[in-house]
């Protein structure tokens, strides 16, 4: 929750500079709450509406991966690789 606003701001900066492909590397995220999940869903929706490509690198830590699996976001968001363990 404490970093979602910062991440959103950085994404907006990159997109305003003309970036058409954006990869978010979540490997080092140890925990994710509903606000982080909501941001990823919003970014995915924006990428589809605004014609830019979002790719996520799945988290390596179980704490963050759990919320994605529990909500089935692991099967609905655009991951660079499978989140299967």
N, C-alpha and C. Protein backbone atom coordinates (compact mmCIF):
# COMPACT_ATOMS: atom_id res chain seq x y z
N UNK A 1 0.82 -1.18 0.00
CA UNK A 1 0.00 0.00 0.00
C UNK A 1 0.87 1.25 0.00
N UNK A 2 1.99 1.20 0.69
CA UNK A 2 2.81 2.41 0.81
C UNK A 2 3.56 2.75 -0.47
N UNK A 3 3.68 1.83 -1.41
CA UNK A 3 4.45 2.11 -2.62
C UNK A 3 3.60 2.18 -3.89
N UNK A 4 2.31 1.92 -3.80
CA UNK A 4 1.51 1.90 -5.02
C UNK A 4 1.43 3.28 -5.68
N UNK A 5 1.31 4.33 -4.89
CA UNK A 5 1.24 5.67 -5.46
C UNK A 5 2.56 6.02 -6.16
N UNK A 6 3.67 5.65 -5.56
CA UNK A 6 4.98 5.91 -6.16
C UNK A 6 5.13 5.14 -7.47
N UNK A 7 4.74 3.87 -7.48
CA UNK A 7 4.83 3.07 -8.69
C UNK A 7 3.93 3.65 -9.77
N UNK A 8 2.73 4.02 -9.43
CA UNK A 8 1.81 4.61 -10.39
C UNK A 8 2.40 5.87 -11.01
N UNK A 9 3.03 6.69 -10.19
CA UNK A 9 3.67 7.92 -10.68
C UNK A 9 4.80 7.59 -11.66
N UNK A 10 5.64 6.62 -11.33
CA UNK A 10 6.74 6.24 -12.22
C UNK A 10 6.22 5.68 -13.54
N UNK A 11 5.19 4.88 -13.48
CA UNK A 11 4.59 4.34 -14.70
C UNK A 11 4.08 5.49 -15.56
N UNK A 12 3.37 6.44 -14.96
CA UNK A 12 2.85 7.59 -15.71
C UNK A 12 3.98 8.38 -16.36
N UNK A 13 5.09 8.56 -15.65
CA UNK A 13 6.24 9.27 -16.21
C UNK A 13 6.78 8.56 -17.45
N UNK A 14 6.93 7.24 -17.35
CA UNK A 14 7.45 6.47 -18.48
C UNK A 14 6.49 6.53 -19.67
N UNK A 15 5.21 6.38 -19.40
CA UNK A 15 4.24 6.40 -20.48
C UNK A 15 4.16 7.77 -21.14
N UNK A 16 4.29 8.83 -20.37
CA UNK A 16 4.23 10.18 -20.95
C UNK A 16 5.46 10.48 -21.80
N UNK A 17 6.54 9.71 -21.60
CA UNK A 17 7.74 9.91 -22.42
C UNK A 17 7.67 9.13 -23.73
N UNK A 18 6.56 8.42 -23.96
CA UNK A 18 6.38 7.73 -25.23
C UNK A 18 6.66 6.24 -25.20
N UNK A 19 6.90 5.68 -24.04
CA UNK A 19 7.14 4.24 -23.92
C UNK A 19 5.89 3.49 -24.38
N UNK A 20 6.08 2.44 -25.17
CA UNK A 20 4.94 1.64 -25.63
C UNK A 20 4.96 0.24 -25.06
N UNK A 21 6.05 -0.14 -24.39
CA UNK A 21 6.15 -1.43 -23.72
C UNK A 21 6.74 -1.19 -22.34
N UNK A 22 6.10 -1.78 -21.34
CA UNK A 22 6.53 -1.58 -19.96
C UNK A 22 6.54 -2.92 -19.24
N UNK A 23 7.68 -3.25 -18.63
CA UNK A 23 7.79 -4.48 -17.85
C UNK A 23 7.98 -4.10 -16.39
N UNK A 24 7.13 -4.65 -15.53
CA UNK A 24 7.28 -4.46 -14.09
C UNK A 24 7.85 -5.73 -13.50
N UNK A 25 9.00 -5.62 -12.91
CA UNK A 25 9.69 -6.76 -12.32
C UNK A 25 9.28 -6.88 -10.85
N UNK A 26 8.48 -7.88 -10.56
CA UNK A 26 7.95 -8.08 -9.21
C UNK A 26 8.74 -9.11 -8.42
N UNK A 27 9.85 -9.59 -8.95
CA UNK A 27 10.60 -10.68 -8.30
C UNK A 27 10.99 -10.39 -6.87
N UNK A 28 11.32 -9.16 -6.55
CA UNK A 28 11.79 -8.84 -5.20
C UNK A 28 10.68 -8.41 -4.25
N UNK A 29 9.44 -8.40 -4.72
CA UNK A 29 8.31 -8.04 -3.86
C UNK A 29 8.05 -9.19 -2.89
N UNK A 30 8.15 -8.91 -1.60
CA UNK A 30 7.93 -9.95 -0.60
C UNK A 30 6.49 -10.01 -0.11
N UNK A 31 5.75 -8.91 -0.29
CA UNK A 31 4.37 -8.84 0.18
C UNK A 31 3.57 -7.96 -0.77
N UNK A 32 2.34 -8.34 -1.02
CA UNK A 32 1.44 -7.51 -1.82
C UNK A 32 0.06 -7.55 -1.18
N UNK A 33 -0.52 -6.37 -1.00
CA UNK A 33 -1.88 -6.32 -0.47
C UNK A 33 -2.85 -5.98 -1.59
N UNK A 34 -4.09 -5.74 -1.24
CA UNK A 34 -5.12 -5.50 -2.25
C UNK A 34 -4.86 -4.23 -3.06
N UNK A 35 -4.20 -3.24 -2.47
CA UNK A 35 -3.92 -2.02 -3.23
C UNK A 35 -2.89 -2.29 -4.32
N UNK A 36 -1.93 -3.14 -4.06
CA UNK A 36 -0.96 -3.52 -5.09
C UNK A 36 -1.63 -4.31 -6.20
N UNK A 37 -2.47 -5.24 -5.82
CA UNK A 37 -3.22 -6.03 -6.80
C UNK A 37 -4.10 -5.12 -7.64
N UNK A 38 -4.80 -4.20 -7.01
CA UNK A 38 -5.68 -3.28 -7.72
C UNK A 38 -4.88 -2.44 -8.73
N UNK A 39 -3.69 -1.99 -8.35
CA UNK A 39 -2.86 -1.21 -9.26
C UNK A 39 -2.47 -2.04 -10.48
N UNK A 40 -2.08 -3.29 -10.28
CA UNK A 40 -1.71 -4.15 -11.41
C UNK A 40 -2.89 -4.36 -12.35
N UNK A 41 -4.07 -4.55 -11.80
CA UNK A 41 -5.27 -4.71 -12.62
C UNK A 41 -5.57 -3.42 -13.38
N UNK A 42 -5.48 -2.29 -12.71
CA UNK A 42 -5.72 -1.00 -13.37
C UNK A 42 -4.71 -0.76 -14.50
N UNK A 43 -3.44 -1.09 -14.25
CA UNK A 43 -2.43 -0.91 -15.29
C UNK A 43 -2.69 -1.82 -16.48
N UNK A 44 -3.12 -3.05 -16.21
CA UNK A 44 -3.45 -3.96 -17.29
C UNK A 44 -4.62 -3.41 -18.11
N UNK A 45 -5.64 -2.92 -17.45
CA UNK A 45 -6.78 -2.34 -18.15
C UNK A 45 -6.36 -1.12 -18.97
N UNK A 46 -5.54 -0.26 -18.37
CA UNK A 46 -5.06 0.93 -19.09
C UNK A 46 -4.25 0.54 -20.32
N UNK A 47 -3.43 -0.47 -20.19
CA UNK A 47 -2.59 -0.87 -21.32
C UNK A 47 -3.45 -1.32 -22.49
N UNK A 48 -4.53 -1.98 -22.21
CA UNK A 48 -5.43 -2.43 -23.27
C UNK A 48 -6.20 -1.27 -23.88
N UNK A 49 -6.61 -0.32 -23.06
CA UNK A 49 -7.37 0.83 -23.55
C UNK A 49 -6.49 1.82 -24.31
N UNK A 50 -5.24 1.95 -23.89
CA UNK A 50 -4.35 2.98 -24.45
C UNK A 50 -3.32 2.41 -25.42
N UNK A 51 -3.42 1.14 -25.72
CA UNK A 51 -2.56 0.49 -26.73
C UNK A 51 -1.06 0.55 -26.41
N UNK A 52 -0.72 0.24 -25.18
CA UNK A 52 0.68 -0.02 -24.83
C UNK A 52 0.73 -1.39 -24.19
N UNK A 53 1.91 -1.97 -24.13
CA UNK A 53 2.04 -3.35 -23.67
C UNK A 53 2.61 -3.40 -22.25
N UNK A 54 1.92 -4.12 -21.39
CA UNK A 54 2.37 -4.36 -20.02
C UNK A 54 2.78 -5.81 -19.89
N UNK A 55 3.94 -6.02 -19.29
CA UNK A 55 4.41 -7.37 -18.97
C UNK A 55 4.87 -7.36 -17.51
N UNK A 56 4.51 -8.40 -16.79
CA UNK A 56 4.90 -8.53 -15.39
C UNK A 56 5.84 -9.71 -15.23
N UNK A 57 6.88 -9.53 -14.45
CA UNK A 57 7.73 -10.63 -14.04
C UNK A 57 7.20 -11.07 -12.68
N UNK A 58 6.80 -12.33 -12.54
CA UNK A 58 6.13 -12.76 -11.31
C UNK A 58 7.02 -12.66 -10.07
N UNK A 59 6.39 -12.45 -8.92
CA UNK A 59 7.16 -12.39 -7.67
C UNK A 59 7.77 -13.73 -7.32
N UNK A 60 8.96 -13.68 -6.75
CA UNK A 60 9.64 -14.90 -6.32
C UNK A 60 9.25 -15.29 -4.90
N UNK A 61 8.78 -14.33 -4.13
CA UNK A 61 8.43 -14.57 -2.74
C UNK A 61 6.98 -15.04 -2.61
N UNK A 62 6.78 -16.04 -1.81
CA UNK A 62 5.47 -16.65 -1.64
C UNK A 62 4.43 -15.65 -1.12
N UNK A 63 4.82 -14.74 -0.25
CA UNK A 63 3.88 -13.78 0.31
C UNK A 63 3.20 -12.93 -0.74
N UNK A 64 3.94 -12.53 -1.75
CA UNK A 64 3.36 -11.73 -2.83
C UNK A 64 2.64 -12.61 -3.84
N UNK A 65 3.19 -13.76 -4.13
CA UNK A 65 2.58 -14.66 -5.11
C UNK A 65 1.22 -15.18 -4.61
N UNK A 66 1.08 -15.34 -3.32
CA UNK A 66 -0.14 -15.89 -2.75
C UNK A 66 -1.37 -15.06 -3.10
N UNK A 67 -1.29 -13.75 -2.96
CA UNK A 67 -2.46 -12.90 -3.26
C UNK A 67 -2.81 -12.97 -4.75
N UNK A 68 -1.81 -13.13 -5.60
CA UNK A 68 -2.07 -13.24 -7.04
C UNK A 68 -2.74 -14.57 -7.38
N UNK A 69 -2.29 -15.64 -6.74
CA UNK A 69 -2.90 -16.95 -6.99
C UNK A 69 -4.30 -17.02 -6.38
N UNK A 70 -4.47 -16.49 -5.17
CA UNK A 70 -5.76 -16.58 -4.47
C UNK A 70 -6.86 -15.84 -5.23
N UNK A 71 -6.50 -14.81 -5.96
CA UNK A 71 -7.47 -14.02 -6.71
C UNK A 71 -7.50 -14.40 -8.19
N UNK A 72 -6.72 -15.37 -8.55
CA UNK A 72 -6.56 -15.85 -9.93
C UNK A 72 -5.96 -14.80 -10.86
N UNK A 73 -5.38 -13.76 -10.29
CA UNK A 73 -4.70 -12.76 -11.10
C UNK A 73 -3.47 -13.37 -11.77
N UNK A 74 -2.98 -14.47 -11.21
CA UNK A 74 -1.83 -15.14 -11.83
C UNK A 74 -2.17 -15.73 -13.19
N UNK A 75 -3.46 -15.90 -13.49
CA UNK A 75 -3.88 -16.44 -14.78
C UNK A 75 -4.47 -15.36 -15.69
N UNK A 76 -4.66 -14.16 -15.15
CA UNK A 76 -5.35 -13.12 -15.93
C UNK A 76 -4.49 -11.92 -16.27
N UNK A 77 -3.37 -11.76 -15.61
CA UNK A 77 -2.49 -10.64 -15.90
C UNK A 77 -1.37 -11.11 -16.83
N UNK A 78 -0.74 -10.19 -17.56
CA UNK A 78 0.24 -10.56 -18.58
C UNK A 78 1.65 -10.81 -18.01
N UNK A 79 1.91 -12.04 -17.62
CA UNK A 79 3.21 -12.39 -17.06
C UNK A 79 4.19 -12.82 -18.14
N UNK A 80 5.45 -12.49 -17.93
CA UNK A 80 6.51 -12.86 -18.85
C UNK A 80 6.77 -14.35 -18.80
N UNK A 81 6.46 -14.97 -17.68
CA UNK A 81 6.65 -16.40 -17.49
C UNK A 81 5.58 -16.89 -16.54
N UNK A 82 5.42 -18.18 -16.48
CA UNK A 82 4.40 -18.77 -15.61
C UNK A 82 4.71 -18.56 -14.14
N UNK A 83 3.67 -18.47 -13.34
CA UNK A 83 3.85 -18.37 -11.89
C UNK A 83 3.78 -19.73 -11.22
N UNK A 84 3.72 -20.80 -11.99
CA UNK A 84 3.65 -22.15 -11.41
C UNK A 84 4.86 -22.41 -10.53
N UNK A 85 4.59 -23.06 -9.44
CA UNK A 85 5.67 -23.44 -8.51
C UNK A 85 5.64 -24.93 -8.32
